[in-house]
PDB file of N, CA and C in Angstrom:
ATOM      1  N   MET A   1     -34.355  -1.843 -16.037  1.00  0.00           N
ATOM      2  CA  MET A   1     -33.091  -1.378 -15.996  1.00  0.00           C
ATOM      3  C   MET A   1     -32.588  -1.576 -17.854  1.00  0.00           C
ATOM      4  N   THR A   2     -32.083  -0.417 -18.136  1.00  0.00           N
ATOM      5  CA  THR A   2     -31.759  -0.520 -19.484  1.00  0.00           C
ATOM      6  C   THR A   2     -30.365  -1.313 -19.924  1.00  0.00           C
ATOM      7  N   SER A   3     -30.350  -1.825 -20.933  1.00  0.00           N
ATOM      8  CA  SER A   3     -29.538  -2.781 -21.422  1.00  0.00           C
ATOM      9  C   SER A   3     -28.104  -2.286 -21.296  1.00  0.00           C
ATOM     10  N   SER A   4     -27.708  -0.954 -21.397  1.00  0.00           N
ATOM     11  CA  SER A   4     -26.345   0.063 -20.686  1.00  0.00           C
ATOM     12  C   SER A   4     -25.733  -0.112 -19.452  1.00  0.00           C
ATOM     13  N   THR A   5     -26.678   0.010 -18.918  1.00  0.00           N
ATOM     14  CA  THR A   5     -26.422   0.048 -17.059  1.00  0.00           C
ATOM     15  C   THR A   5     -26.375  -1.618 -16.860  1.00  0.00           C
ATOM     16  N   ALA A   6     -27.321  -2.264 -17.382  1.00  0.00           N
ATOM     17  CA  ALA A   6     -27.215  -3.903 -16.711  1.00  0.00           C
ATOM     18  C   ALA A   6     -26.161  -4.451 -17.525  1.00  0.00           C
ATOM     19  N   SER A   7     -25.500  -4.185 -18.856  1.00  0.00           N
ATOM     20  CA  SER A   7     -24.109  -4.352 -19.051  1.00  0.00           C
ATOM     21  C   SER A   7     -23.209  -4.244 -18.621  1.00  0.00           C
ATOM     22  N   THR A   8     -22.772  -3.092 -17.695  1.00  0.00           N
ATOM     23  CA  THR A   8     -21.600  -2.674 -17.290  1.00  0.00           C
ATOM     24  C   THR A   8     -20.864  -3.244 -16.482  1.00  0.00           C
ATOM     25  N   ARG A   9     -19.435  -3.564 -16.463  1.00  0.00           N
ATOM     26  CA  ARG A   9     -18.829  -4.563 -15.612  1.00  0.00           C
ATOM     27  C   ARG A   9     -17.895  -3.560 -14.752  1.00  0.00           C
ATOM     28  N   ASN A  10     -17.156  -4.073 -13.934  1.00  0.00           N
ATOM     29  CA  ASN A  10     -16.905  -3.420 -13.163  1.00  0.00           C
ATOM     30  C   ASN A  10     -15.188  -3.271 -13.472  1.00  0.00           C
ATOM     31  N   GLY A  11     -14.860  -2.361 -13.586  1.00  0.00           N
ATOM     32  CA  GLY A  11     -13.606  -2.049 -14.052  1.00  0.00           C
ATOM     33  C   GLY A  11     -12.440  -2.662 -13.193  1.00  0.00           C
ATOM     34  N   GLY A  12     -10.710  -2.813 -13.715  1.00  0.00           N
ATOM     35  CA  GLY A  12     -10.129  -3.167 -12.655  1.00  0.00           C
ATOM     36  C   GLY A  12      -8.746  -2.559 -13.236  1.00  0.00           C
ATOM     37  N   LEU A  13      -7.486  -2.587 -12.296  1.00  0.00           N
ATOM     38  CA  LEU A  13      -6.459  -2.283 -12.650  1.00  0.00           C
ATOM     39  C   LEU A  13      -5.885  -2.893 -13.800  1.00  0.00           C
ATOM     40  N   LEU A  14      -6.227  -3.580 -14.531  1.00  0.00           N
ATOM     41  CA  LEU A  14      -5.268  -4.374 -15.606  1.00  0.00           C
ATOM     42  C   LEU A  14      -6.333  -5.175 -16.682  1.00  0.00           C
ATOM     43  N   GLU A  15      -7.371  -4.935 -16.911  1.00  0.00           N
ATOM     44  CA  GLU A  15      -8.512  -5.154 -17.449  1.00  0.00           C
ATOM     45  C   GLU A  15      -8.336  -4.609 -18.970  1.00  0.00           C
ATOM     46  N   THR A  16      -8.041  -3.403 -19.152  1.00  0.00           N
ATOM     47  CA  THR A  16      -8.211  -2.713 -20.519  1.00  0.00           C
ATOM     48  C   THR A  16      -7.022  -1.584 -20.883  1.00  0.00           C
ATOM     49  N   PRO A  17      -6.456  -1.767 -22.238  1.00  0.00           N
ATOM     50  CA  PRO A  17      -5.255  -1.121 -22.207  1.00  0.00           C
ATOM     51  C   PRO A  17      -5.135   0.040 -21.484  1.00  0.00           C
ATOM     52  N   PHE A  18      -6.315   0.729 -21.519  1.00  0.00           N
ATOM     53  CA  PHE A  18      -5.776   2.566 -20.783  1.00  0.00           C
ATOM     54  C   PHE A  18      -5.955   1.960 -19.025  1.00  0.00           C
ATOM     55  N   SER A  19      -6.424   1.367 -18.656  1.00  0.00           N
ATOM     56  CA  SER A  19      -6.079   0.599 -16.929  1.00  0.00           C
ATOM     57  C   SER A  19      -4.904   0.603 -16.913  1.00  0.00           C
ATOM     58  N   MET A  20      -4.044  -0.418 -17.436  1.00  0.00           N
ATOM     59  CA  MET A  20      -3.169  -0.741 -17.671  1.00  0.00           C
ATOM     60  C   MET A  20      -2.106   0.004 -17.832  1.00  0.00           C
ATOM     61  N   GLY A  21      -1.895   1.350 -18.668  1.00  0.00           N
ATOM     62  CA  GLY A  21      -1.244   2.097 -19.291  1.00  0.00           C
ATOM     63  C   GLY A  21      -1.210   3.416 -17.568  1.00  0.00           C
ATOM     64  N   ALA A  22      -2.767   3.530 -16.654  1.00  0.00           N
ATOM     65  CA  ALA A  22      -2.382   4.124 -15.500  1.00  0.00           C
ATOM     66  C   ALA A  22      -1.707   3.790 -14.808  1.00  0.00           C
ATOM     67  N   THR A  23      -2.002   2.419 -14.533  1.00  0.00           N
ATOM     68  CA  THR A  23      -1.777   2.036 -13.798  1.00  0.00           C
ATOM     69  C   THR A  23       0.211   1.833 -13.570  1.00  0.00           C
ATOM     70  N   ALA A  24       0.409   1.776 -14.855  1.00  0.00           N
ATOM     71  CA  ALA A  24       2.065   2.126 -15.248  1.00  0.00           C
ATOM     72  C   ALA A  24       2.463   3.448 -14.695  1.00  0.00           C
ATOM     73  N   VAL A  25       1.873   4.086 -15.191  1.00  0.00           N
ATOM     74  CA  VAL A  25       2.243   5.805 -14.673  1.00  0.00           C
ATOM     75  C   VAL A  25       2.244   5.847 -13.336  1.00  0.00           C
ATOM     76  N   ALA A  26       0.760   5.329 -12.892  1.00  0.00           N
ATOM     77  CA  ALA A  26       1.038   5.817 -11.074  1.00  0.00           C
ATOM     78  C   ALA A  26       1.953   4.858 -10.253  1.00  0.00           C
ATOM     79  N   ALA A  27       2.766   3.619 -10.627  1.00  0.00           N
ATOM     80  CA  ALA A  27       3.390   3.196  -9.977  1.00  0.00           C
ATOM     81  C   ALA A  27       4.802   3.651 -10.415  1.00  0.00           C
ATOM     82  N   VAL A  28       5.350   4.410 -11.410  1.00  0.00           N
ATOM     83  CA  VAL A  28       6.547   4.758 -11.945  1.00  0.00           C
ATOM     84  C   VAL A  28       6.500   6.134 -11.262  1.00  0.00           C
ATOM     85  N   THR A  29       5.355   6.630 -11.276  1.00  0.00           N
ATOM     86  CA  THR A  29       5.208   8.251 -10.413  1.00  0.00           C
ATOM     87  C   THR A  29       5.954   8.431  -9.007  1.00  0.00           C
ATOM     88  N   ALA A  30       5.356   6.854  -8.708  1.00  0.00           N
ATOM     89  CA  ALA A  30       4.849   6.736  -7.210  1.00  0.00           C
ATOM     90  C   ALA A  30       6.626   6.368  -6.360  1.00  0.00           C
ATOM     91  N   LEU A  31       7.043   5.238  -7.699  1.00  0.00           N
ATOM     92  CA  LEU A  31       8.586   5.676  -7.285  1.00  0.00           C
ATOM     93  C   LEU A  31       9.716   6.655  -7.823  1.00  0.00           C
ATOM     94  N   LEU A  32       9.449   7.055  -8.343  1.00  0.00           N
ATOM     95  CA  LEU A  32      10.148   8.316  -8.479  1.00  0.00           C
ATOM     96  C   LEU A  32      10.339   9.504  -7.659  1.00  0.00           C
ATOM     97  N   SER A  33       8.705   9.708  -7.095  1.00  0.00           N
ATOM     98  CA  SER A  33       8.825  10.517  -6.115  1.00  0.00           C
ATOM     99  C   SER A  33       9.447  10.234  -4.894  1.00  0.00           C
ATOM    100  N   VAL A  34       9.418   8.745  -4.397  1.00  0.00           N
ATOM    101  CA  VAL A  34      10.137   8.235  -3.196  1.00  0.00           C
ATOM    102  C   VAL A  34      11.645   8.431  -3.408  1.00  0.00           C
ATOM    103  N   PHE A  35      12.273   8.197  -4.558  1.00  0.00           N
ATOM    104  CA  PHE A  35      13.261   8.255  -5.179  1.00  0.00           C
ATOM    105  C   PHE A  35      13.593   9.850  -4.527  1.00  0.00           C
ATOM    106  N   ILE A  36      13.028  10.775  -5.439  1.00  0.00           N
ATOM    107  CA  ILE A  36      13.411  12.343  -5.203  1.00  0.00           C
ATOM    108  C   ILE A  36      13.228  12.829  -3.605  1.00  0.00           C
ATOM    109  N   ALA A  37      12.101  12.097  -3.077  1.00  0.00           N
ATOM    110  CA  ALA A  37      12.034  12.541  -1.599  1.00  0.00           C
ATOM    111  C   ALA A  37      13.038  11.905  -1.192  1.00  0.00           C
ATOM    112  N   TRP A  38      13.394  10.759  -1.139  1.00  0.00           N
ATOM    113  CA  TRP A  38      15.262  10.115  -0.437  1.00  0.00           C
ATOM    114  C   TRP A  38      16.200  10.417  -0.916  1.00  0.00           C
ATOM    115  N   THR A  39      16.362  11.143  -2.069  1.00  0.00           N
ATOM    116  CA  THR A  39      17.317  12.188  -2.572  1.00  0.00           C
ATOM    117  C   THR A  39      17.481  13.662  -1.851  1.00  0.00           C
ATOM    118  N   GLY A  40      16.489  14.257  -1.459  1.00  0.00           N
ATOM    119  CA  GLY A  40      16.125  15.125  -1.247  1.00  0.00           C
ATOM    120  C   GLY A  40      16.645  15.497   0.449  1.00  0.00           C
ATOM    121  N   TYR A  41      16.029  14.242   1.238  1.00  0.00           N
ATOM    122  CA  TYR A  41      16.406  13.937   2.473  1.00  0.00           C
ATOM    123  C   TYR A  41      17.746  13.803   2.606  1.00  0.00           C
ATOM    124  N   ASN A  42      18.502  13.197   1.885  1.00  0.00           N
ATOM    125  CA  ASN A  42      19.822  13.113   2.273  1.00  0.00           C
ATOM    126  C   ASN A  42      20.672  14.465   1.401  1.00  0.00           C
ATOM    127  N   ASP A  43      20.036  15.102   0.993  1.00  0.00           N
ATOM    128  CA  ASP A  43      20.698  16.631   0.441  1.00  0.00           C
ATOM    129  C   ASP A  43      21.808  16.045  -0.973  1.00  0.00           C
ATOM    130  N   GLY A  44      21.248  15.719  -1.410  1.00  0.00           N
ATOM    131  CA  GLY A  44      21.649  14.746  -2.670  1.00  0.00           C
ATOM    132  C   GLY A  44      21.299  15.348  -3.770  1.00  0.00           C
ATOM    133  N   VAL A  45      22.262  15.333  -5.063  1.00  0.00           N
ATOM    134  CA  VAL A  45      22.280  15.738  -6.609  1.00  0.00           C
ATOM    135  C   VAL A  45      20.925  15.086  -6.784  1.00  0.00           C
ATOM    136  N   PHE A  46      20.399  15.575  -7.857  1.00  0.00           N
ATOM    137  CA  PHE A  46      19.040  14.654  -9.021  1.00  0.00           C
ATOM    138  C   PHE A  46      20.321  14.040  -9.993  1.00  0.00           C
ATOM    139  N   PRO A  47      20.140  13.127 -10.017  1.00  0.00           N
ATOM    140  CA  PRO A  47      21.218  12.673 -10.956  1.00  0.00           C
ATOM    141  C   PRO A  47      21.477  13.226 -12.360  1.00  0.00           C
ATOM    142  N   VAL A  48      19.876  13.299 -12.909  1.00  0.00           N
ATOM    143  CA  VAL A  48      20.190  14.005 -14.710  1.00  0.00           C
ATOM    144  C   VAL A  48      20.653  15.036 -14.626  1.00  0.00           C
ATOM    145  N   ILE A  49      19.921  16.041 -14.080  1.00  0.00           N
ATOM    146  CA  ILE A  49      20.432  17.367 -14.207  1.00  0.00           C
ATOM    147  C   ILE A  49      21.210  18.032 -13.409  1.00  0.00           C
ATOM    148  N   GLY A  50      21.515  17.663 -11.808  1.00  0.00           N
ATOM    149  CA  GLY A  50      22.573  18.036 -11.147  1.00  0.00           C
ATOM    150  C   GLY A  50      21.979  18.996 -10.289  1.00  0.00           C
ATOM    151  N   TYR A  51      20.434  19.398  -9.866  1.00  0.00           N
ATOM    152  CA  TYR A  51      20.092  19.544  -9.487  1.00  0.00           C
ATOM    153  C   TYR A  51      20.233  19.569  -7.799  1.00  0.00           C
ATOM    154  N   GLN A  52      20.628  20.252  -7.386  1.00  0.00           N
ATOM    155  CA  GLN A  52      20.765  20.133  -5.727  1.00  0.00           C
ATOM    156  C   GLN A  52      19.504  20.354  -4.996  1.00  0.00           C
ATOM    157  N   LEU A  53      18.781  19.155  -4.228  1.00  0.00           N
ATOM    158  CA  LEU A  53      17.805  18.631  -3.673  1.00  0.00           C
ATOM    159  C   LEU A  53      17.958  18.959  -2.544  1.00  0.00           C
ATOM    160  N   ASP A  54      17.158  19.508  -1.223  1.00  0.00           N
ATOM    161  CA  ASP A  54      17.255  19.651  -0.316  1.00  0.00           C
ATOM    162  C   ASP A  54      15.790  18.441   0.584  1.00  0.00           C
ATOM    163  N   ILE A  55      15.667  18.950   1.788  1.00  0.00           N
ATOM    164  CA  ILE A  55      14.475  18.536   2.398  1.00  0.00           C
ATOM    165  C   ILE A  55      12.919  18.600   1.856  1.00  0.00           C
ATOM    166  N   LEU A  56      13.217  20.011   1.829  1.00  0.00           N
ATOM    167  CA  LEU A  56      11.553  20.895   1.044  1.00  0.00           C
ATOM    168  C   LEU A  56      11.637  20.430  -0.058  1.00  0.00           C
ATOM    169  N   THR A  57      12.429  20.213  -1.173  1.00  0.00           N
ATOM    170  CA  THR A  57      12.483  20.015  -2.323  1.00  0.00           C
ATOM    171  C   THR A  57      12.263  18.587  -2.629  1.00  0.00           C
ATOM    172  N   GLY A  58      12.085  17.779  -1.400  1.00  0.00           N
ATOM    173  CA  GLY A  58      11.905  16.254  -1.529  1.00  0.00           C
ATOM    174  C   GLY A  58      10.364  16.341  -1.337  1.00  0.00           C
ATOM    175  N   ALA A  59      10.037  16.636   0.145  1.00  0.00           N
ATOM    176  CA  ALA A  59       8.922  16.898   0.540  1.00  0.00           C
ATOM    177  C   ALA A  59       7.871  16.687  -0.467  1.00  0.00           C
ATOM    178  N   VAL A  60       7.923  18.285  -0.706  1.00  0.00           N
ATOM    179  CA  VAL A  60       6.944  18.755  -2.226  1.00  0.00           C
ATOM    180  C   VAL A  60       7.043  17.786  -3.396  1.00  0.00           C
ATOM    181  N   ALA A  61       8.347  16.773  -3.546  1.00  0.00           N
ATOM    182  CA  ALA A  61       7.669  15.670  -4.818  1.00  0.00           C
ATOM    183  C   ALA A  61       7.063  14.636  -4.593  1.00  0.00           C
ATOM    184  N   LEU A  62       7.377  14.997  -2.741  1.00  0.00           N
ATOM    185  CA  LEU A  62       6.940  13.795  -2.853  1.00  0.00           C
ATOM    186  C   LEU A  62       5.063  13.364  -2.565  1.00  0.00           C
ATOM    187  N   VAL A  63       4.691  14.635  -2.299  1.00  0.00           N
ATOM    188  CA  VAL A  63       3.340  15.134  -2.180  1.00  0.00           C
ATOM    189  C   VAL A  63       2.917  15.160  -3.881  1.00  0.00           C
ATOM    190  N   PHE A  64       3.464  16.077  -4.320  1.00  0.00           N
ATOM    191  CA  PHE A  64       3.178  16.109  -5.759  1.00  0.00           C
ATOM    192  C   PHE A  64       3.197  14.691  -6.501  1.00  0.00           C
ATOM    193  N   GLY A  65       4.022  13.768  -6.501  1.00  0.00           N
ATOM    194  CA  GLY A  65       3.932  12.582  -7.162  1.00  0.00           C
ATOM    195  C   GLY A  65       2.839  11.651  -6.822  1.00  0.00           C
ATOM    196  N   LEU A  66       3.288  11.855  -5.263  1.00  0.00           N
ATOM    197  CA  LEU A  66       1.807  10.900  -4.433  1.00  0.00           C
ATOM    198  C   LEU A  66       0.540  10.998  -5.161  1.00  0.00           C
ATOM    199  N   GLY A  67       0.407  12.217  -5.311  1.00  0.00           N
ATOM    200  CA  GLY A  67      -1.306  12.890  -5.413  1.00  0.00           C
ATOM    201  C   GLY A  67      -1.295  12.485  -7.021  1.00  0.00           C
ATOM    202  N   ILE A  68      -0.113  12.819  -8.082  1.00  0.00           N
ATOM    203  CA  ILE A  68      -0.643  12.236  -9.458  1.00  0.00           C
ATOM    204  C   ILE A  68      -0.648  10.583  -8.903  1.00  0.00           C
ATOM    205  N   ALA A  69       0.136  10.108  -8.609  1.00  0.00           N
ATOM    206  CA  ALA A  69      -0.084   8.367  -8.348  1.00  0.00           C
ATOM    207  C   ALA A  69      -1.482   8.160  -7.859  1.00  0.00           C
ATOM    208  N   ILE A  70      -1.899   8.550  -7.177  1.00  0.00           N
ATOM    209  CA  ILE A  70      -3.542   8.478  -6.749  1.00  0.00           C
ATOM    210  C   ILE A  70      -4.589   9.098  -7.675  1.00  0.00           C
ATOM    211  N   VAL A  71      -4.434   9.793  -8.543  1.00  0.00           N
ATOM    212  CA  VAL A  71      -5.149  10.038  -9.625  1.00  0.00           C
ATOM    213  C   VAL A  71      -5.541   9.054 -10.473  1.00  0.00           C
ATOM    214  N   ALA A  72      -3.671   8.481 -10.887  1.00  0.00           N
ATOM    215  CA  ALA A  72      -4.024   7.669 -11.606  1.00  0.00           C
ATOM    216  C   ALA A  72      -4.333   6.220 -11.182  1.00  0.00           C
ATOM    217  N   LEU A  73      -3.871   5.821 -10.228  1.00  0.00           N
ATOM    218  CA  LEU A  73      -4.742   4.699  -9.769  1.00  0.00           C
ATOM    219  C   LEU A  73      -6.369   4.770  -9.604  1.00  0.00           C
ATOM    220  N   THR A  74      -6.924   5.925  -9.369  1.00  0.00           N
ATOM    221  CA  THR A  74      -8.357   5.945  -9.343  1.00  0.00           C
ATOM    222  C   THR A  74      -9.042   5.969 -10.707  1.00  0.00           C
ATOM    223  N   ALA A  75      -8.113   6.690 -11.852  1.00  0.00           N
ATOM    224  CA  ALA A  75      -8.941   6.651 -12.903  1.00  0.00           C
ATOM    225  C   ALA A  75      -8.532   5.428 -13.532  1.00  0.00           C
ATOM    226  N   ALA A  76      -7.763   4.506 -13.484  1.00  0.00           N
ATOM    227  CA  ALA A  76      -7.330   2.953 -13.692  1.00  0.00           C
ATOM    228  C   ALA A  76      -8.539   1.815 -12.946  1.00  0.00           C
ATOM    229  N   ALA A  77      -8.812   2.450 -11.934  1.00  0.00           N
ATOM    230  CA  ALA A  77      -9.763   1.376 -11.440  1.00  0.00           C
ATOM    231  C   ALA A  77     -11.372   1.683 -11.885  1.00  0.00           C
ATOM    232  N   TYR A  78     -11.428   3.269 -12.044  1.00  0.00           N
ATOM    233  CA  TYR A  78     -12.753   3.709 -12.056  1.00  0.00           C
ATOM    234  C   TYR A  78     -13.297   3.816 -14.000  1.00  0.00           C
ATOM    235  N   MET A  79     -12.803   4.035 -14.206  1.00  0.00           N
ATOM    236  CA  MET A  79     -12.684   4.616 -15.754  1.00  0.00           C
ATOM    237  C   MET A  79     -13.719   3.265 -16.262  1.00  0.00           C
ATOM    238  N   GLU A  80     -14.806   3.501 -17.114  1.00  0.00           N
ATOM    239  CA  GLU A  80     -15.674   3.054 -17.945  1.00  0.00           C
ATOM    240  C   GLU A  80     -14.928   2.755 -19.518  1.00  0.00           C
ATOM    241  N   PRO A  81     -15.027   1.815 -19.830  1.00  0.00           N
ATOM    242  CA  PRO A  81     -14.813   1.390 -21.402  1.00  0.00           C
ATOM    243  C   PRO A  81     -15.669   2.127 -22.145  1.00  0.00           C
ATOM    244  N   GLY A  82     -14.749   2.863 -23.178  1.00  0.00           N
ATOM    245  CA  GLY A  82     -15.236   3.379 -24.254  1.00  0.00           C
ATOM    246  C   GLY A  82     -16.077   3.288 -24.946  1.00  0.00           C
ATOM    247  N   PHE A  83     -16.365   4.283 -25.907  1.00  0.00           N
ATOM    248  CA  PHE A  83     -17.570   3.456 -27.215  1.00  0.00           C
ATOM    249  C   PHE A  83     -17.339   2.640 -27.918  1.00  0.00           C
ATOM    250  N   GLY A  84     -15.804   2.124 -28.095  1.00  0.00           N
ATOM    251  CA  GLY A  84     -15.756   1.027 -28.822  1.00  0.00           C
ATOM    252  C   GLY A  84     -16.127  -0.217 -28.437  1.00  0.00           C
ATOM    253  N   GLU A  85     -16.371  -0.497 -27.430  1.00  0.00           N
ATOM    254  CA  GLU A  85     -16.329  -1.723 -26.818  1.00  0.00           C
ATOM    255  C   GLU A  85     -18.024  -1.815 -26.312  1.00  0.00           C
TER     256      GLU A  85
END
């Protein structure tokens, strides 16, 4: 094995600044998408902009937001350290 492959470490969700940021983005996105889905389920109004949400809009926001959260968590877990380390 070369020294570059022998010295790689396993990434974690809270080990580097990038992984911490990506984990925070995933958590905020997941919570926001669940909130929008719940608001759409109740036929509510989005608090900031006043947009009327229905169940279809809430379901689309839930799927889209959870997709972004999964991608961010995957990046946080498997992204290798950059050139600076």
